């Protein structure tokens, strides 16, 4: 009777152990699903006169390190789709800041205001009372 109970308990425990093992395997390998890995920035000495940030990345399974500017990576849909979403946020943030720093402050402010208006117009279509909320 005890032997049968042990066999039954092992059958119950094994599926839970397999599920938890599969869960942790998925979590650990989530980042490895994307073929491109962002390694960092190519150090170019001083960043004051640098117009573009050169990023270093590696293709999983290859030993070579590739380099490209953040704006080039962002402009290529095929290339940016191969990075992990967290890496994409970093790359797009760097490219966006570079773009803002290249323009004059007045132009940047106008672009920001027009972008903000378009975002809020899309939001106001969903909820018309969004702009009339007083804190």
C-alpha atoms as a PDB file:
ATOM      1  CA  UNK A   1       0.000   0.000   0.000  1.00  0.00           C
ATOM      2  CA  UNK A   2       2.800   2.429   0.890  1.00  0.00           C
ATOM      3  CA  UNK A   3       4.686   1.523  -2.274  1.00  0.00           C
ATOM      4  CA  UNK A   4       1.614   2.290  -4.393  1.00  0.00           C
ATOM      5  CA  UNK A   5       1.145   5.572  -2.539  1.00  0.00           C
ATOM      6  CA  UNK A   6       4.765   6.550  -3.263  1.00  0.00           C
ATOM      7  CA  UNK A   7       4.316   5.740  -6.949  1.00  0.00           C
ATOM      8  CA  UNK A   8       1.152   7.846  -7.021  1.00  0.00           C
ATOM      9  CA  UNK A   9       2.901  10.763  -5.277  1.00  0.00           C
ATOM     10  CA  UNK A  10       5.800  10.615  -7.756  1.00  0.00           C
ATOM     11  CA  UNK A  11       3.335  10.737 -10.644  1.00  0.00           C
ATOM     12  CA  UNK A  12       1.742  13.832  -9.116  1.00  0.00           C
ATOM     13  CA  UNK A  13       5.052  15.572  -8.324  1.00  0.00           C
ATOM     14  CA  UNK A  14       6.709  14.943 -11.684  1.00  0.00           C
ATOM     15  CA  UNK A  15       4.293  17.000 -13.811  1.00  0.00           C
ATOM     16  CA  UNK A  16       4.657  19.952 -11.428  1.00  0.00           C
ATOM     17  CA  UNK A  17       8.433  19.622 -11.493  1.00  0.00           C
ATOM     18  CA  UNK A  18       8.367  19.433 -15.278  1.00  0.00           C
ATOM     19  CA  UNK A  19       6.128  22.519 -15.491  1.00  0.00           C
ATOM     20  CA  UNK A  20       8.313  24.549 -13.155  1.00  0.00           C
ATOM     21  CA  UNK A  21      11.424  23.414 -15.021  1.00  0.00           C
ATOM     22  CA  UNK A  22       9.873  24.411 -18.339  1.00  0.00           C
ATOM     23  CA  UNK A  23       8.877  27.782 -16.894  1.00  0.00           C
ATOM     24  CA  UNK A  24      12.396  28.586 -15.687  1.00  0.00           C
ATOM     25  CA  UNK A  25      13.921  27.311 -18.922  1.00  0.00           C
ATOM     26  CA  UNK A  26      11.625  29.668 -20.857  1.00  0.00           C
ATOM     27  CA  UNK A  27      12.498  32.619 -18.625  1.00  0.00           C
ATOM     28  CA  UNK A  28      16.244  32.004 -18.885  1.00  0.00           C
ATOM     29  CA  UNK A  29      16.195  31.556 -22.657  1.00  0.00           C
ATOM     30  CA  UNK A  30      13.764  34.376 -23.468  1.00  0.00           C
ATOM     31  CA  UNK A  31      16.568  36.753 -24.357  1.00  0.00           C
ATOM     32  CA  UNK A  32      18.281  34.161 -26.515  1.00  0.00           C
ATOM     33  CA  UNK A  33      15.335  34.000 -28.922  1.00  0.00           C
ATOM     34  CA  UNK A  34      16.427  37.150 -30.700  1.00  0.00           C
ATOM     35  CA  UNK A  35      19.351  36.660 -33.108  1.00  0.00           C
ATOM     36  CA  UNK A  36      21.013  40.049 -32.458  1.00  0.00           C
ATOM     37  CA  UNK A  37      22.468  41.042 -29.088  1.00  0.00           C
ATOM     38  CA  UNK A  38      23.393  44.638 -28.262  1.00  0.00           C
ATOM     39  CA  UNK A  39      26.874  44.703 -26.724  1.00  0.00           C
ATOM     40  CA  UNK A  40      27.422  48.394 -26.124  1.00  0.00           C
ATOM     41  CA  UNK A  41      28.913  51.510 -27.597  1.00  0.00           C
ATOM     42  CA  UNK A  42      32.123  51.863 -29.550  1.00  0.00           C
ATOM     43  CA  UNK A  43      34.329  54.119 -27.470  1.00  0.00           C
ATOM     44  CA  UNK A  44      35.458  57.052 -29.565  1.00  0.00           C
ATOM     45  CA  UNK A  45      37.254  59.128 -26.957  1.00  0.00           C
ATOM     46  CA  UNK A  46      35.327  62.352 -26.440  1.00  0.00           C
ATOM     47  CA  UNK A  47      31.595  62.440 -27.069  1.00  0.00           C
ATOM     48  CA  UNK A  48      31.375  66.221 -27.387  1.00  0.00           C
ATOM     49  CA  UNK A  49      32.133  66.332 -31.115  1.00  0.00           C
ATOM     50  CA  UNK A  50      30.617  62.933 -31.884  1.00  0.00           C
ATOM     51  CA  UNK A  51      27.612  63.249 -34.197  1.00  0.00           C
ATOM     52  CA  UNK A  52      26.498  59.622 -34.164  1.00  0.00           C
ATOM     53  CA  UNK A  53      26.758  56.909 -31.568  1.00  0.00           C
ATOM     54  CA  UNK A  54      28.265  53.745 -33.005  1.00  0.00           C
ATOM     55  CA  UNK A  55      26.705  50.670 -31.404  1.00  0.00           C
ATOM     56  CA  UNK A  56      28.286  47.238 -31.255  1.00  0.00           C
ATOM     57  CA  UNK A  57      26.180  44.118 -31.661  1.00  0.00           C
ATOM     58  CA  UNK A  58      26.680  40.433 -32.257  1.00  0.00           C
ATOM     59  CA  UNK A  59      24.620  37.904 -34.133  1.00  0.00           C
ATOM     60  CA  UNK A  60      24.018  34.855 -31.951  1.00  0.00           C
ATOM     61  CA  UNK A  61      26.153  31.987 -33.186  1.00  0.00           C
ATOM     62  CA  UNK A  62      28.680  34.235 -34.932  1.00  0.00           C
ATOM     63  CA  UNK A  63      31.951  35.365 -33.438  1.00  0.00           C
ATOM     64  CA  UNK A  64      32.212  38.664 -35.300  1.00  0.00           C
ATOM     65  CA  UNK A  65      31.133  41.949 -33.748  1.00  0.00           C
ATOM     66  CA  UNK A  66      29.222  44.295 -36.017  1.00  0.00           C
ATOM     67  CA  UNK A  67      28.999  48.049 -35.664  1.00  0.00           C
ATOM     68  CA  UNK A  68      26.384  50.462 -36.889  1.00  0.00           C
ATOM     69  CA  UNK A  69      24.951  53.821 -35.895  1.00  0.00           C
ATOM     70  CA  UNK A  70      21.786  53.920 -33.807  1.00  0.00           C
ATOM     71  CA  UNK A  71      19.895  55.805 -36.516  1.00  0.00           C
ATOM     72  CA  UNK A  72      20.871  53.234 -39.179  1.00  0.00           C
ATOM     73  CA  UNK A  73      19.586  50.413 -36.989  1.00  0.00           C
ATOM     74  CA  UNK A  74      16.322  52.266 -36.283  1.00  0.00           C
ATOM     75  CA  UNK A  75      15.755  53.059 -39.959  1.00  0.00           C
ATOM     76  CA  UNK A  76      16.081  49.400 -40.980  1.00  0.00           C
ATOM     77  CA  UNK A  77      12.905  47.536 -39.993  1.00  0.00           C
ATOM     78  CA  UNK A  78      14.467  44.185 -40.789  1.00  0.00           C
ATOM     79  CA  UNK A  79      17.498  44.848 -38.603  1.00  0.00           C
ATOM     80  CA  UNK A  80      15.668  46.354 -35.616  1.00  0.00           C
ATOM     81  CA  UNK A  81      13.189  43.462 -35.516  1.00  0.00           C
ATOM     82  CA  UNK A  82      16.035  41.064 -34.729  1.00  0.00           C
ATOM     83  CA  UNK A  83      16.906  42.774 -31.417  1.00  0.00           C
ATOM     84  CA  UNK A  84      15.291  42.095 -28.049  1.00  0.00           C
ATOM     85  CA  UNK A  85      12.573  44.675 -27.204  1.00  0.00           C
ATOM     86  CA  UNK A  86      14.648  46.031 -24.302  1.00  0.00           C
ATOM     87  CA  UNK A  87      17.578  46.582 -26.661  1.00  0.00           C
ATOM     88  CA  UNK A  88      15.232  48.246 -29.168  1.00  0.00           C
ATOM     89  CA  UNK A  89      14.158  50.730 -26.492  1.00  0.00           C
ATOM     90  CA  UNK A  90      17.782  51.645 -25.786  1.00  0.00           C
ATOM     91  CA  UNK A  91      18.668  51.972 -29.477  1.00  0.00           C
ATOM     92  CA  UNK A  92      15.603  54.058 -30.312  1.00  0.00           C
ATOM     93  CA  UNK A  93      16.168  56.291 -27.266  1.00  0.00           C
ATOM     94  CA  UNK A  94      19.750  56.984 -28.342  1.00  0.00           C
ATOM     95  CA  UNK A  95      18.700  57.641 -31.947  1.00  0.00           C
ATOM     96  CA  UNK A  96      15.888  59.934 -30.808  1.00  0.00           C
ATOM     97  CA  UNK A  97      18.123  61.986 -28.532  1.00  0.00           C
ATOM     98  CA  UNK A  98      20.692  62.308 -31.324  1.00  0.00           C
ATOM     99  CA  UNK A  99      17.974  63.548 -33.666  1.00  0.00           C
ATOM    100  CA  UNK A 100      16.786  66.105 -31.102  1.00  0.00           C
ATOM    101  CA  UNK A 101      20.319  67.357 -30.461  1.00  0.00           C
ATOM    102  CA  UNK A 102      20.933  67.833 -34.200  1.00  0.00           C
ATOM    103  CA  UNK A 103      17.990  70.211 -34.608  1.00  0.00           C
ATOM    104  CA  UNK A 104      17.600  73.722 -33.280  1.00  0.00           C
ATOM    105  CA  UNK A 105      15.676  74.136 -30.002  1.00  0.00           C
ATOM    106  CA  UNK A 106      12.829  76.031 -31.687  1.00  0.00           C
ATOM    107  CA  UNK A 107      12.344  73.302 -34.294  1.00  0.00           C
ATOM    108  CA  UNK A 108      12.507  70.615 -31.614  1.00  0.00           C
ATOM    109  CA  UNK A 109       9.860  72.415 -29.576  1.00  0.00           C
ATOM    110  CA  UNK A 110       7.558  72.740 -32.610  1.00  0.00           C
ATOM    111  CA  UNK A 111       7.958  69.035 -33.432  1.00  0.00           C
ATOM    112  CA  UNK A 112       7.282  68.112 -29.819  1.00  0.00           C
ATOM    113  CA  UNK A 113       4.133  70.262 -29.682  1.00  0.00           C
ATOM    114  CA  UNK A 114       2.789  68.799 -32.941  1.00  0.00           C
ATOM    115  CA  UNK A 115       3.540  65.269 -31.748  1.00  0.00           C
ATOM    116  CA  UNK A 116       1.826  65.954 -28.435  1.00  0.00           C
ATOM    117  CA  UNK A 117      -1.243  67.353 -30.214  1.00  0.00           C
ATOM    118  CA  UNK A 118      -1.500  64.308 -32.478  1.00  0.00           C
ATOM    119  CA  UNK A 119      -1.194  61.945 -29.506  1.00  0.00           C
ATOM    120  CA  UNK A 120      -3.862  63.767 -27.512  1.00  0.00           C
ATOM    121  CA  UNK A 121      -6.167  63.981 -30.522  1.00  0.00           C
ATOM    122  CA  UNK A 122      -6.006  60.198 -30.829  1.00  0.00           C
ATOM    123  CA  UNK A 123      -6.679  59.872 -27.101  1.00  0.00           C
ATOM    124  CA  UNK A 124      -9.582  62.317 -27.203  1.00  0.00           C
ATOM    125  CA  UNK A 125     -11.260  60.165 -29.849  1.00  0.00           C
ATOM    126  CA  UNK A 126     -11.357  57.343 -27.316  1.00  0.00           C
ATOM    127  CA  UNK A 127     -12.410  59.413 -24.298  1.00  0.00           C
ATOM    128  CA  UNK A 128     -13.720  62.899 -25.102  1.00  0.00           C
ATOM    129  CA  UNK A 129     -13.326  64.280 -21.553  1.00  0.00           C
ATOM    130  CA  UNK A 130      -9.568  63.665 -21.334  1.00  0.00           C
ATOM    131  CA  UNK A 131      -8.496  67.293 -21.824  1.00  0.00           C
ATOM    132  CA  UNK A 132     -11.042  68.698 -19.393  1.00  0.00           C
ATOM    133  CA  UNK A 133      -9.780  66.962 -16.256  1.00  0.00           C
ATOM    134  CA  UNK A 134      -8.593  69.435 -13.616  1.00  0.00           C
ATOM    135  CA  UNK A 135      -6.119  68.171 -11.019  1.00  0.00           C
END
